[in-house]
Amino acid sequence: MTVDSSAVRHPNPWWVGIVCGMASYIDAATIVATGIALVIYQHTIGVTPDQIGILSGLLTLSIAIGAVFGGRLGDAFGRRRVFLVTMLVVIIGIALLVFGSSFPALLIGVILAGLGTGADLPVSLSTISEAASEKNRGAIIGLSNILWVVGILGTIVIATFAGGMGRVGGQLLFGQVGIVAALVFLARLTIPESPFWLAARDERRRGVVTVRADRSSVRDLLRKPYLGPFLALLVFYALTNVGANTGGQFGTYLAVNVAGIPVALNSAIGLASFPIGLLAGLWFMRIVDGKHRMTYFVFGAIVLLLGYLTPAVLGFSLPTIIAMNLFMGVGGAFAFEGIMKVWTQESFPTLLRTTAQGAVIAVARVVAALLAFVTPALIAVSPQGLYAVLSGVVAIGLIVAWFAFRKAGESQFVTESLSTIAVEPEADAAPIES
C-alpha cells in the first residue's frame, strides 16, 4: 500500500514541538528530582548513602541504555509507537519512586524511569524535526532546550517549598514528574505517525530505491557520507557534556567546599543565572535556521570556554562562580546541546535518524558518568587543575564540531526530498533492518 501524503494528518509543528519536546522537561526533572528526593528519603525511609550512589548511577546508565534501544526501535517500528510506550514506562517507574518504600522498589523505579526517559529522547526529537519545515526546524528543536531548563527550574521551585515536608516532599518531587508524564501521554495521542517515516517504510516495503528507504542499517552510520558527522557529533557532545555534567553534579560541592559559599547563596546564583540562559536560548531559536548559525556557534564556543577558564585561571570565589554561570548560560545556548540536536537531525536519513541521535546521547551520558566516579578525587587534588583540564577537553569538542560543520551542507531532509534514485537497490530492501 502506498502512503498518500495528502491523506496523512499534519498537526501544527509547534504543537508537536511542545508535546514531544516535553521529553527534555521530563529528562531534566527526573534527574534533578532524583538527586533531591533520594536525600529526603535517606532521612525518612532509611535509604543509605551507598544506595543513593547506586540509584543515581543506575539512573544515568538506564538513560544511556534507553537512548540506544529507543533510537533503534524508533527507526524500525515508527516514532509514535515508541514515544507512547516510553511515556508509559516513565509513568510506571515514577509511580514506584513515589509509593515505593523499599530499596528494591526504588531500584526498579529508577531503572524504568531512566530507560523510558532515555528511549523517549531520540524518538521525540526526530518526531519534532520531521513535523517541521526547513524554515523552522532548528527553532522548534531549540524549544526542547527551553523546556529542559523549565524542567530544572520547576523542580527546584517545588523543592524549595517541599524540601522540609519529609517523605511527602520527596513524593511531591517525583509526583510532579509523573503527572506531567501522564498529561504528555494523553497529548501525544493527538500526534500521528511521522509522514517521513511512513513514506520511508512504504518505499522500502515496495522496493522503491530512495535514500530514505535504503539507508536503514546501523552499518550505514559507519560509511560515507554519515561516518564523518556521526563521529564528530559523538566527540563534540561527549566532550562538552563532560564539562556541563561536572558543573551540574559538583557545582554546589565546589561552591561550598572550595569557594566557601553557602548552599542557599549558591542556589540563588544558579536561579538568577537561568533567565540569562533562557533569553540566550530564545535567541538561538531565532537565528538557528538562518545563515549566521556558525557565526553564533563560534561566539558561543568562545563564551563557553571563558566559563571554564575563569575558575581555572582565577580560582573559585563568589565573583568567578557568578561569571562562570553567566558565561556558560550564554555560551551553552549557541554551542552545546541545542546545536547538537539540530545537526544530528539534519545529518542522517529518516531510518537512521533516531538511531544516530540515541547513540550520541548514550555515549555522552556514559562518558560523563564514568568521569563522575573520579571527580571528587580530582577536586581534592586541584579544583583549578580540574577546570583547566575541562577547558581543554571542551575546547577539543568545540573545535571538532567547527571543522565538521563549518561549511553548510545540504540537510538530509532536502536530500531525501530531491533524490529518488541515489543508491543501488538491495535484495532485502523490503524489511526495515534492525
Protein backbone atom coordinates (compact mmCIF):
# COMPACT_ATOMS: atom_id res chain seq x y z
CA MET A 1 0.00 0.00 0.00
CA THR A 2 1.33 3.44 -0.93
CA VAL A 3 1.25 6.26 1.57
CA ASP A 4 -0.71 9.22 0.23
CA SER A 5 0.94 12.28 1.76
CA SER A 6 -2.19 14.33 1.20
CA ALA A 7 -4.15 11.88 3.34
CA VAL A 8 -1.69 11.99 6.24
CA ARG A 9 -2.78 14.25 9.06
CA HIS A 10 -0.25 17.04 9.70
CA PRO A 11 -0.58 18.66 13.15
CA ASN A 12 0.77 22.11 13.91
CA PRO A 13 4.57 21.67 14.13
CA TRP A 14 4.78 23.89 17.21
CA TRP A 15 2.23 21.68 18.96
CA VAL A 16 4.38 18.68 18.10
CA GLY A 17 7.42 20.62 19.35
CA ILE A 18 5.79 21.26 22.72
CA VAL A 19 4.27 17.81 23.24
CA CYS A 20 7.35 15.87 22.11
CA GLY A 21 9.79 18.45 23.48
CA MET A 22 8.43 17.69 26.95
CA ALA A 23 10.74 14.67 26.80
CA SER A 24 13.51 17.13 27.67
CA TYR A 25 11.46 18.55 30.55
CA ILE A 26 10.91 15.05 31.94
CA ASP A 27 14.59 14.17 31.46
CA ALA A 28 15.77 17.21 33.42
CA ALA A 29 13.04 17.00 36.07
CA THR A 30 13.68 13.28 36.67
CA ILE A 31 17.42 13.78 37.14
CA VAL A 32 17.06 16.80 39.45
CA ALA A 33 14.14 15.31 41.40
CA THR A 34 16.06 12.07 41.96
CA GLY A 35 19.08 13.93 43.31
CA ILE A 36 16.98 15.86 45.83
CA ALA A 37 14.32 13.28 46.70
CA LEU A 38 16.79 10.50 47.47
CA VAL A 39 18.43 12.71 50.08
CA ILE A 40 15.00 13.30 51.60
CA TYR A 41 14.31 9.55 51.53
CA GLN A 42 17.63 9.00 53.31
CA HIS A 43 16.25 10.76 56.36
CA THR A 44 12.69 9.42 56.14
CA ILE A 45 12.63 5.82 54.86
CA GLY A 46 16.24 4.88 55.57
CA VAL A 47 17.88 4.92 52.14
CA THR A 48 21.62 4.62 52.81
CA PRO A 49 24.37 6.72 51.19
CA ASP A 50 25.60 3.65 49.30
CA GLN A 51 22.10 3.01 47.99
CA ILE A 52 21.82 6.64 46.89
CA GLY A 53 25.02 6.19 44.91
CA ILE A 54 23.73 3.01 43.30
CA LEU A 55 20.37 4.56 42.42
CA SER A 56 21.95 7.73 41.00
CA GLY A 57 24.40 5.75 38.90
CA LEU A 58 21.71 3.40 37.63
CA LEU A 59 19.56 6.35 36.55
CA THR A 60 22.35 7.70 34.34
CA LEU A 61 23.16 4.25 32.98
CA SER A 62 19.50 3.45 32.30
CA ILE A 63 19.03 6.71 30.38
CA ALA A 64 22.05 5.83 28.23
CA ILE A 65 20.82 2.29 27.54
CA GLY A 66 17.32 3.56 26.84
CA ALA A 67 18.64 6.10 24.34
CA VAL A 68 20.43 3.39 22.34
CA PHE A 69 17.49 1.00 22.19
CA GLY A 70 14.83 3.68 21.88
CA GLY A 71 16.67 5.25 18.97
CA ARG A 72 16.90 1.98 17.08
CA LEU A 73 13.30 1.00 17.84
CA GLY A 74 12.08 4.40 16.66
CA ASP A 75 13.67 3.83 13.26
CA ALA A 76 12.48 0.23 13.00
CA PHE A 77 8.91 0.46 14.29
CA GLY A 78 7.94 4.11 13.99
CA ARG A 79 8.07 7.19 16.15
CA ARG A 80 4.52 7.09 17.51
CA ARG A 81 4.51 3.54 18.85
CA VAL A 82 7.75 4.09 20.69
CA PHE A 83 7.06 7.52 22.19
CA LEU A 84 3.73 6.29 23.61
CA VAL A 85 5.25 3.16 25.16
CA THR A 86 8.23 5.06 26.58
CA MET A 87 5.97 7.54 28.36
CA LEU A 88 4.01 4.67 29.93
CA VAL A 89 7.30 3.17 31.14
CA VAL A 90 8.24 6.53 32.69
CA ILE A 91 4.86 6.75 34.45
CA ILE A 92 5.23 3.25 35.94
CA GLY A 93 8.79 3.97 37.08
CA ILE A 94 7.84 7.27 38.69
CA ALA A 95 4.88 5.62 40.46
CA LEU A 96 7.29 3.19 42.10
CA LEU A 97 9.51 6.10 43.17
CA VAL A 98 6.51 7.90 44.68
CA PHE A 99 4.93 4.98 46.53
CA GLY A 100 7.82 2.55 46.98
CA SER A 101 9.35 2.38 50.44
CA SER A 102 11.93 -0.37 49.95
CA PHE A 103 15.25 -0.32 48.12
CA PRO A 104 14.15 -2.94 45.53
CA ALA A 105 11.07 -0.86 44.66
CA LEU A 106 13.16 2.29 44.28
CA LEU A 107 15.72 0.34 42.24
CA ILE A 108 13.11 -0.89 39.75
CA GLY A 109 11.54 2.57 39.66
CA VAL A 110 14.83 4.29 38.83
CA ILE A 111 15.64 1.75 36.11
CA LEU A 112 12.22 2.07 34.47
CA ALA A 113 12.20 5.87 34.69
CA GLY A 114 15.70 6.01 33.21
CA LEU A 115 15.00 3.54 30.41
CA GLY A 116 11.77 5.30 29.47
CA THR A 117 13.29 8.77 29.56
CA GLY A 118 16.37 7.75 27.59
CA ALA A 119 14.38 5.88 24.95
CA ASP A 120 11.98 8.79 24.55
CA LEU A 121 14.56 11.50 23.86
CA PRO A 122 15.83 10.49 20.37
CA VAL A 123 12.39 9.44 19.14
CA SER A 124 10.76 12.67 20.28
CA LEU A 125 13.47 14.80 18.66
CA SER A 126 13.00 13.04 15.33
CA THR A 127 9.24 13.45 15.58
CA ILE A 128 9.76 17.18 16.08
CA SER A 129 12.20 17.60 13.21
CA GLU A 130 10.03 15.58 10.81
CA ALA A 131 6.95 17.66 11.61
CA ALA A 132 8.80 20.92 10.93
CA SER A 133 9.98 22.63 7.74
CA GLU A 134 13.35 23.96 6.60
CA LYS A 135 12.29 27.40 7.84
CA ASN A 136 11.52 26.46 11.44
CA ARG A 137 13.10 23.05 12.14
CA GLY A 138 16.01 24.38 14.19
CA ALA A 139 13.79 26.75 16.15
CA ILE A 140 11.31 24.04 17.14
CA ILE A 141 14.11 21.66 18.09
CA GLY A 142 15.59 24.52 20.13
CA LEU A 143 12.32 24.72 22.04
CA SER A 144 13.20 21.37 23.64
CA ASN A 145 16.20 23.05 25.28
CA ILE A 146 13.95 25.73 26.75
CA LEU A 147 11.70 23.01 28.15
CA TRP A 148 14.77 21.28 29.60
CA VAL A 149 15.62 24.44 31.54
CA VAL A 150 11.99 24.77 32.65
CA GLY A 151 12.18 21.20 33.96
CA ILE A 152 15.13 22.11 36.16
CA LEU A 153 13.55 25.36 37.36
CA GLY A 154 10.19 23.77 38.11
CA THR A 155 11.77 21.01 40.16
CA ILE A 156 13.95 23.43 42.12
CA VAL A 157 10.93 25.62 42.89
CA ILE A 158 8.97 22.61 44.17
CA ALA A 159 11.98 21.52 46.24
CA THR A 160 12.15 24.99 47.78
CA PHE A 161 8.64 24.62 49.19
CA ALA A 162 8.50 20.85 49.73
CA GLY A 163 12.04 20.15 50.90
CA GLY A 164 11.08 20.39 54.57
CA MET A 165 7.96 18.23 54.34
CA GLY A 166 9.68 14.91 54.96
CA ARG A 167 8.83 11.94 52.76
CA VAL A 168 5.87 13.82 51.30
CA GLY A 169 8.34 16.34 49.90
CA GLY A 170 10.18 13.61 48.01
CA GLN A 171 6.88 12.18 46.80
CA LEU A 172 5.83 15.59 45.51
CA LEU A 173 9.10 15.97 43.60
CA PHE A 174 8.63 12.62 41.86
CA GLY A 175 4.87 13.06 41.65
CA GLN A 176 5.05 16.21 39.55
CA VAL A 177 7.15 14.30 37.02
CA GLY A 178 4.55 11.52 36.92
CA ILE A 179 1.66 13.96 36.48
CA VAL A 180 3.46 15.77 33.66
CA ALA A 181 4.30 12.43 32.01
CA ALA A 182 0.64 11.36 32.17
CA LEU A 183 -0.51 14.64 30.61
CA VAL A 184 2.16 14.33 27.92
CA PHE A 185 1.00 10.77 27.15
CA LEU A 186 -2.57 12.00 26.65
CA ALA A 187 -1.39 14.88 24.47
CA ARG A 188 0.72 12.51 22.36
CA LEU A 189 -2.39 10.56 21.43
CA THR A 190 -3.13 13.54 19.15
CA ILE A 191 0.23 13.22 17.34
CA PRO A 192 0.10 10.99 14.23
CA GLU A 193 2.98 8.91 12.93
CA SER A 194 5.72 10.86 11.17
CA PRO A 195 4.94 11.19 7.45
CA PHE A 196 8.67 10.91 6.73
CA TRP A 197 8.87 7.56 8.50
CA LEU A 198 5.66 6.31 6.86
CA ALA A 199 6.99 7.23 3.42
CA ALA A 200 10.36 5.57 4.08
CA ARG A 201 8.70 2.39 5.35
CA ASP A 202 6.33 2.31 2.38
CA GLU A 203 9.12 2.84 -0.16
CA ARG A 204 11.25 0.16 1.45
CA ARG A 205 8.44 -2.39 1.50
CA ARG A 206 7.71 -1.77 -2.19
CA GLY A 207 11.39 -1.91 -3.11
CA VAL A 208 11.44 1.69 -4.33
CA VAL A 209 15.06 2.86 -4.43
CA THR A 210 15.38 6.10 -2.45
CA VAL A 211 17.92 7.39 0.04
CA ARG A 212 15.46 7.39 2.93
CA ALA A 213 14.26 3.85 2.17
CA ASP A 214 17.66 2.30 1.52
CA ARG A 215 19.77 3.77 4.31
CA SER A 216 18.47 1.92 7.37
CA SER A 217 21.26 -0.37 8.56
CA VAL A 218 23.45 0.55 11.51
CA ARG A 219 26.38 -0.24 9.23
CA ASP A 220 25.45 2.77 7.11
CA LEU A 221 26.38 5.06 10.02
CA LEU A 222 29.94 3.80 9.67
CA ARG A 223 30.16 4.62 5.97
CA LYS A 224 30.31 7.81 3.95
CA PRO A 225 28.63 10.25 3.96
CA TYR A 226 27.39 9.62 7.51
CA LEU A 227 30.55 8.47 9.29
CA GLY A 228 32.11 11.95 9.43
CA PRO A 229 29.20 13.79 11.07
CA PHE A 230 28.43 10.79 13.28
CA LEU A 231 31.94 10.68 14.77
CA ALA A 232 32.08 14.47 15.03
CA LEU A 233 28.81 14.57 16.96
CA LEU A 234 29.92 11.75 19.26
CA VAL A 235 33.13 13.63 20.11
CA PHE A 236 31.55 17.09 20.30
CA TYR A 237 28.70 16.17 22.61
CA ALA A 238 30.63 13.71 24.78
CA LEU A 239 33.42 16.20 25.49
CA THR A 240 31.26 19.29 26.01
CA ASN A 241 28.82 17.30 28.14
CA VAL A 242 31.67 16.19 30.42
CA GLY A 243 32.12 19.81 31.42
CA ALA A 244 28.42 20.50 31.79
CA ASN A 245 27.82 17.36 33.84
CA THR A 246 30.72 18.19 36.16
CA GLY A 247 29.22 21.59 36.86
CA GLY A 248 25.76 20.14 37.32
CA GLN A 249 26.77 17.36 39.70
CA PHE A 250 29.58 19.04 41.60
CA GLY A 251 28.89 22.77 41.25
CA THR A 252 27.40 23.04 44.72
CA TYR A 253 30.23 20.95 46.19
CA LEU A 254 32.83 23.28 44.66
CA ALA A 255 30.99 26.40 45.78
CA VAL A 256 30.63 25.22 49.39
CA ASN A 257 33.90 23.36 49.96
CA VAL A 258 36.29 25.33 47.76
CA ALA A 259 34.84 28.85 47.48
CA GLY A 260 33.22 28.87 50.94
CA ILE A 261 29.83 29.98 49.60
CA PRO A 262 26.69 28.86 51.50
CA VAL A 263 24.36 26.45 49.72
CA ALA A 264 21.50 28.96 49.76
CA LEU A 265 23.61 31.68 48.14
CA ASN A 266 24.95 29.30 45.50
CA SER A 267 21.40 28.17 44.69
CA ALA A 268 20.33 31.80 44.39
CA ILE A 269 23.20 32.45 41.95
CA GLY A 270 22.11 29.47 39.87
CA LEU A 271 18.47 30.56 39.82
CA ALA A 272 19.43 34.13 38.93
CA SER A 273 21.52 32.85 36.02
CA PHE A 274 18.73 30.78 34.48
CA PRO A 275 16.85 33.76 32.95
CA ILE A 276 20.03 34.73 31.09
CA GLY A 277 20.30 31.23 29.68
CA LEU A 278 16.61 31.25 28.75
CA LEU A 279 16.95 34.53 26.87
CA ALA A 280 20.00 33.20 25.05
CA GLY A 281 18.07 30.03 24.23
CA LEU A 282 15.21 32.06 22.78
CA TRP A 283 17.68 33.99 20.63
CA PHE A 284 19.16 30.68 19.47
CA MET A 285 15.70 29.67 18.28
CA ARG A 286 15.53 32.89 16.30
CA ILE A 287 18.86 32.51 14.47
CA VAL A 288 19.45 28.76 14.16
CA ASP A 289 17.59 28.38 10.85
CA GLY A 290 19.40 31.34 9.28
CA LYS A 291 22.72 31.86 7.54
CA HIS A 292 24.52 33.11 10.67
CA ARG A 293 24.26 29.82 12.58
CA MET A 294 28.01 29.12 12.56
CA THR A 295 28.88 32.71 13.46
CA TYR A 296 26.82 32.33 16.61
CA PHE A 297 28.34 28.91 17.23
CA VAL A 298 31.84 30.43 17.23
CA PHE A 299 30.65 33.21 19.54
CA GLY A 300 29.02 30.68 21.86
CA ALA A 301 32.11 28.46 21.84
CA ILE A 302 34.34 31.35 22.92
CA VAL A 303 31.96 32.42 25.69
CA LEU A 304 31.50 28.82 26.86
CA LEU A 305 35.27 28.34 27.09
CA LEU A 306 35.53 31.54 29.12
CA GLY A 307 33.15 29.90 31.59
CA TYR A 308 35.59 27.04 32.22
CA LEU A 309 38.74 29.16 32.04
CA THR A 310 37.54 31.73 34.60
CA PRO A 311 37.82 29.44 37.68
CA ALA A 312 40.78 27.59 36.13
CA VAL A 313 42.80 30.82 35.97
CA LEU A 314 41.34 32.92 38.79
CA GLY A 315 40.26 30.21 41.22
CA PHE A 316 36.89 29.60 42.85
CA SER A 317 35.31 32.59 44.57
CA LEU A 318 31.96 34.37 44.58
CA PRO A 319 32.81 36.63 41.58
CA THR A 320 34.28 33.81 39.49
CA ILE A 321 31.35 31.49 40.16
CA ILE A 322 28.90 34.22 39.13
CA ALA A 323 30.92 34.86 35.96
CA MET A 324 31.19 31.13 35.24
CA ASN A 325 27.41 30.68 35.48
CA LEU A 326 26.73 33.62 33.17
CA PHE A 327 29.33 32.61 30.58
CA MET A 328 28.10 29.02 30.48
CA GLY A 329 24.46 30.06 30.27
CA VAL A 330 25.06 32.26 27.23
CA GLY A 331 27.72 30.14 25.53
CA GLY A 332 25.89 26.88 26.02
CA ALA A 333 22.80 28.25 24.27
CA PHE A 334 24.70 28.54 20.97
CA ALA A 335 27.44 25.90 21.22
CA PHE A 336 26.20 22.94 23.21
CA GLU A 337 23.18 20.66 23.28
CA GLY A 338 20.80 22.71 21.16
CA ILE A 339 23.03 22.85 18.10
CA MET A 340 23.98 19.19 18.60
CA LYS A 341 20.33 18.20 18.28
CA VAL A 342 19.87 20.29 15.14
CA TRP A 343 22.99 18.92 13.45
CA THR A 344 22.06 15.35 14.32
CA GLN A 345 18.55 15.68 12.93
CA GLU A 346 19.84 17.25 9.70
CA SER A 347 22.76 14.89 9.12
CA PHE A 348 21.08 11.48 8.87
CA PRO A 349 18.30 9.92 6.76
CA THR A 350 14.90 9.03 8.15
CA LEU A 351 15.55 5.39 9.05
CA LEU A 352 18.84 6.21 10.81
CA ARG A 353 17.87 9.49 12.44
CA THR A 354 16.78 8.27 15.87
CA THR A 355 19.47 5.57 15.88
CA ALA A 356 22.18 8.22 15.47
CA GLN A 357 20.56 10.59 17.97
CA GLY A 358 20.25 7.83 20.56
CA ALA A 359 23.88 6.80 20.15
CA VAL A 360 25.13 10.38 20.53
CA ILE A 361 23.09 10.87 23.71
CA ALA A 362 24.09 7.49 25.16
CA VAL A 363 27.84 7.87 24.63
CA ALA A 364 27.82 11.32 26.23
CA ARG A 365 25.89 10.10 29.29
CA VAL A 366 28.21 7.12 29.81
CA VAL A 367 31.39 9.21 29.47
CA ALA A 368 30.04 11.78 31.94
CA ALA A 369 29.04 9.06 34.41
CA LEU A 370 32.49 7.45 34.27
CA LEU A 371 34.23 10.77 34.96
CA ALA A 372 31.86 11.47 37.84
CA PHE A 373 33.29 8.48 39.73
CA VAL A 374 36.74 10.13 39.97
CA THR A 375 35.72 13.80 40.03
CA PRO A 376 35.72 14.13 43.85
CA ALA A 377 39.29 12.80 43.93
CA LEU A 378 40.34 15.25 41.21
CA ILE A 379 38.76 18.13 43.11
CA ALA A 380 40.70 17.11 46.23
CA VAL A 381 43.96 17.30 44.27
CA SER A 382 43.32 20.61 42.46
CA PRO A 383 39.96 22.23 41.64
CA GLN A 384 41.66 24.73 39.33
CA GLY A 385 43.58 21.93 37.67
CA LEU A 386 40.35 20.02 37.07
CA TYR A 387 38.79 23.02 35.34
CA ALA A 388 41.94 23.62 33.34
CA VAL A 389 41.66 20.06 32.03
CA LEU A 390 37.93 20.53 31.40
CA SER A 391 38.72 23.70 29.43
CA GLY A 392 40.99 21.70 27.16
CA VAL A 393 38.52 18.84 26.80
CA VAL A 394 35.63 21.17 25.95
CA ALA A 395 37.84 23.10 23.51
CA ILE A 396 38.66 19.89 21.63
CA GLY A 397 34.96 19.06 21.32
CA LEU A 398 34.14 22.55 20.04
CA ILE A 399 36.98 22.52 17.51
CA VAL A 400 35.92 19.11 16.18
CA ALA A 401 32.37 20.40 15.70
CA TRP A 402 33.59 23.54 13.92
CA PHE A 403 35.71 21.55 11.47
CA ALA A 404 32.88 19.11 10.78
CA PHE A 405 30.05 21.61 10.32
CA ARG A 406 31.74 24.90 9.36
CA LYS A 407 30.61 24.53 5.75
CA ALA A 408 26.85 24.46 5.48
CA GLY A 409 25.98 21.15 3.86
CA GLU A 410 22.66 20.05 2.47
CA SER A 411 20.20 18.82 5.07
CA GLN A 412 19.17 15.18 4.68
CA PHE A 413 15.58 16.41 4.62
CA VAL A 414 16.40 18.27 1.40
CA THR A 415 18.38 15.34 0.02
CA GLU A 416 15.50 12.95 0.62
CA SER A 417 13.00 15.28 -1.00
CA LEU A 418 15.10 15.67 -4.16
CA SER A 419 16.70 12.26 -4.62
CA THR A 420 14.82 9.14 -5.64
CA ILE A 421 17.50 7.01 -7.35
CA ALA A 422 20.65 7.91 -5.47
CA VAL A 423 21.54 4.38 -4.35
CA GLU A 424 21.72 0.88 -5.75
CA PRO A 425 18.85 -1.45 -4.81
CA GLU A 426 19.48 -4.32 -2.42
CA ALA A 427 17.90 -7.76 -2.48
CA ASP A 428 16.45 -7.32 1.02
CA ALA A 429 15.09 -3.82 0.51
CA ALA A 430 11.58 -4.57 1.75
CA PRO A 431 12.06 -5.04 5.51
CA ILE A 432 13.50 -2.40 7.79
CA GLU A 433 16.74 -3.75 9.23
CA SER A 434 17.06 -3.79 13.00
